[in-house]
Amino acid sequence: MAMTNATKGNISSDINVTPLIDVLLVLLIIFMVIVPVVPKGLGALVPQTPRGETSEAQDDAIVVSVLHTAENGLAYRINSTEVAQGDLSSKLTSIYANRAERVMFVKGDDDVSFAEVAEVIDAGHSAGANSVGLMTPKILAGQ
């Protein structure tokens, strides 16, 4: 606030608005710079419907089970179909050939070592599976 003496001896008080305008302009510039930097939302990938024909088998998740048997040692299953160890890679390759979602789950018995489960994971990666998940007893109990 500035106080000046008038020519006739009267005191006049006027608000000096120059510093207020300077502060207002600085704040305006700061907000104009900050607003475009603030993210507007989360980037999300929306699932697309597959083009062409789809079968019911493609909608099911692929679960490869490694089972310990008394007579043969190890047995492999893809969902509920028995598969020999030598045919596992070729069977997974044929499954993932026309699938858009290439996810595989591996379930192993308690008696199976992790090295044997790792062989199944490697077979899945070589067949074209992008994501491999391990199913644990806690996950299986929730089903």
Protein backbone atom coordinates (compact mmCIF):
# COMPACT_ATOMS: atom_id res chain seq x y z
CA MET A 1 0.00 0.00 0.00
CA ALA A 2 1.45 3.32 -0.98
CA MET A 3 0.66 6.57 0.67
CA THR A 4 1.32 9.79 -1.18
CA ASN A 5 0.80 13.37 -0.30
CA ALA A 6 -1.63 15.19 -2.49
CA THR A 7 -0.92 18.69 -3.68
CA LYS A 8 -3.47 20.20 -1.36
CA GLY A 9 -2.15 18.38 1.72
CA ASN A 10 -4.68 15.53 1.64
CA ILE A 11 -3.35 12.03 2.15
CA SER A 12 -4.28 9.55 -0.56
CA SER A 13 -3.87 5.79 -0.10
CA ASP A 14 -3.83 3.58 -3.19
CA ILE A 15 -3.00 -0.14 -3.35
CA ASN A 16 0.10 -0.83 -5.38
CA VAL A 17 -1.11 -3.70 -7.60
CA THR A 18 2.11 -4.23 -9.54
CA PRO A 19 3.58 -6.84 -7.12
CA LEU A 20 0.22 -8.65 -6.99
CA ILE A 21 0.08 -8.88 -10.77
CA ASP A 22 3.67 -10.14 -10.88
CA VAL A 23 2.90 -12.91 -8.40
CA LEU A 24 -0.28 -13.78 -10.29
CA LEU A 25 1.59 -14.06 -13.60
CA VAL A 26 4.31 -16.25 -12.06
CA LEU A 27 1.70 -18.60 -10.58
CA LEU A 28 -0.15 -18.70 -13.90
CA ILE A 29 3.03 -19.70 -15.73
CA ILE A 30 3.84 -22.38 -13.14
CA PHE A 31 0.39 -23.95 -13.44
CA MET A 32 0.51 -23.81 -17.23
CA VAL A 33 3.79 -25.75 -17.17
CA ILE A 34 2.71 -28.31 -14.55
CA VAL A 35 -0.74 -29.24 -15.91
CA PRO A 36 0.43 -30.95 -19.15
CA VAL A 37 2.98 -33.01 -17.19
CA VAL A 38 0.39 -34.54 -14.82
CA PRO A 39 -0.68 -37.97 -16.12
CA LYS A 40 -4.34 -38.18 -17.01
CA GLY A 41 -4.78 -41.87 -16.19
CA LEU A 42 -3.28 -45.31 -16.39
CA GLY A 43 -2.25 -46.80 -19.69
CA ALA A 44 -4.10 -50.07 -20.14
CA LEU A 45 -4.18 -52.63 -22.87
CA VAL A 46 -7.72 -53.55 -23.74
CA PRO A 47 -8.15 -57.16 -24.85
CA GLN A 48 -9.15 -57.44 -28.47
CA THR A 49 -11.44 -60.08 -29.87
CA PRO A 50 -9.52 -62.52 -32.04
CA ARG A 51 -10.14 -62.32 -35.77
CA GLY A 52 -11.30 -65.41 -37.56
CA GLU A 53 -12.72 -68.55 -36.11
CA THR A 54 -12.08 -69.53 -32.52
CA SER A 55 -12.65 -72.88 -30.97
CA GLU A 56 -13.72 -73.83 -27.48
CA ALA A 57 -10.32 -75.41 -26.81
CA GLN A 58 -8.56 -72.05 -27.24
CA ASP A 59 -10.55 -70.51 -24.39
CA ASP A 60 -9.16 -73.03 -21.89
CA ALA A 61 -5.95 -72.37 -20.03
CA ILE A 62 -3.07 -74.73 -20.77
CA VAL A 63 -2.05 -76.61 -17.62
CA VAL A 64 0.86 -79.02 -17.91
CA SER A 65 0.99 -81.48 -15.02
CA VAL A 66 4.15 -83.35 -14.05
CA LEU A 67 3.06 -86.41 -12.10
CA HIS A 68 5.15 -88.96 -10.23
CA THR A 69 4.02 -92.54 -10.85
CA ALA A 70 5.30 -95.68 -9.17
CA GLU A 71 5.63 -97.81 -12.30
CA ASN A 72 6.94 -95.39 -14.96
CA GLY A 73 8.60 -92.64 -12.92
CA LEU A 74 7.13 -89.49 -14.51
CA ALA A 75 3.92 -88.87 -16.42
CA TYR A 76 2.97 -85.67 -18.26
CA ARG A 77 -0.50 -84.30 -18.90
CA ILE A 78 -1.67 -81.31 -20.90
CA ASN A 79 -4.94 -80.38 -19.22
CA SER A 80 -6.37 -83.93 -18.93
CA THR A 81 -4.64 -85.58 -21.91
CA GLU A 82 -1.73 -87.94 -21.26
CA VAL A 83 1.38 -87.01 -23.25
CA ALA A 84 4.70 -88.80 -23.56
CA GLN A 85 7.84 -86.87 -22.61
CA GLY A 86 9.16 -86.93 -26.18
CA ASP A 87 5.88 -85.60 -27.60
CA LEU A 88 5.52 -82.77 -25.08
CA SER A 89 7.34 -80.09 -27.10
CA SER A 90 5.63 -80.94 -30.40
CA LYS A 91 2.21 -81.03 -28.73
CA LEU A 92 2.76 -77.61 -27.09
CA THR A 93 4.03 -76.17 -30.38
CA SER A 94 0.86 -77.29 -32.16
CA ILE A 95 -1.29 -75.82 -29.37
CA TYR A 96 0.43 -72.42 -29.40
CA ALA A 97 0.62 -72.18 -33.21
CA ASN A 98 -2.77 -70.43 -33.54
CA ARG A 99 -3.26 -68.93 -30.09
CA ALA A 100 -3.16 -65.22 -29.43
CA GLU A 101 -2.76 -65.66 -25.68
CA ARG A 102 0.30 -67.79 -25.04
CA VAL A 103 0.10 -68.54 -21.33
CA MET A 104 1.02 -71.87 -19.77
CA PHE A 105 0.66 -73.11 -16.19
CA VAL A 106 2.81 -75.88 -14.74
CA LYS A 107 1.65 -78.07 -11.87
CA GLY A 108 4.02 -80.56 -10.27
CA ASP A 109 3.58 -83.29 -7.67
CA ASP A 110 5.28 -83.00 -4.30
CA ASP A 111 7.65 -85.86 -5.20
CA VAL A 112 8.84 -84.23 -8.46
CA SER A 113 12.10 -82.29 -8.37
CA PHE A 114 12.28 -78.75 -9.69
CA ALA A 115 14.74 -79.82 -12.41
CA GLU A 116 12.00 -81.95 -13.96
CA VAL A 117 9.54 -79.05 -13.75
CA ALA A 118 12.18 -76.74 -15.28
CA GLU A 119 12.40 -79.06 -18.30
CA VAL A 120 8.65 -78.58 -18.85
CA ILE A 121 9.07 -74.78 -18.52
CA ASP A 122 11.86 -74.87 -21.13
CA ALA A 123 9.67 -76.96 -23.43
CA GLY A 124 6.90 -74.38 -23.06
CA HIS A 125 9.23 -71.47 -23.85
CA SER A 126 10.61 -73.27 -26.90
CA ALA A 127 7.04 -74.02 -28.04
CA GLY A 128 6.14 -70.32 -27.98
CA ALA A 129 4.62 -69.70 -24.54
CA ASN A 130 5.21 -66.08 -23.51
CA SER A 131 4.23 -66.45 -19.86
CA VAL A 132 4.67 -69.49 -17.65
CA GLY A 133 3.06 -69.69 -14.23
CA LEU A 134 3.64 -72.24 -11.49
CA MET A 135 0.59 -73.61 -9.72
CA THR A 136 1.08 -74.08 -6.00
CA PRO A 137 -1.10 -76.01 -3.53
CA LYS A 138 -2.54 -72.73 -2.22
CA ILE A 139 -3.73 -71.81 -5.74
CA LEU A 140 -5.14 -75.28 -6.26
CA ALA A 141 -7.06 -75.16 -2.96
CA GLY A 142 -8.89 -72.03 -4.10
CA GLN A 143 -10.41 -73.76 -7.11
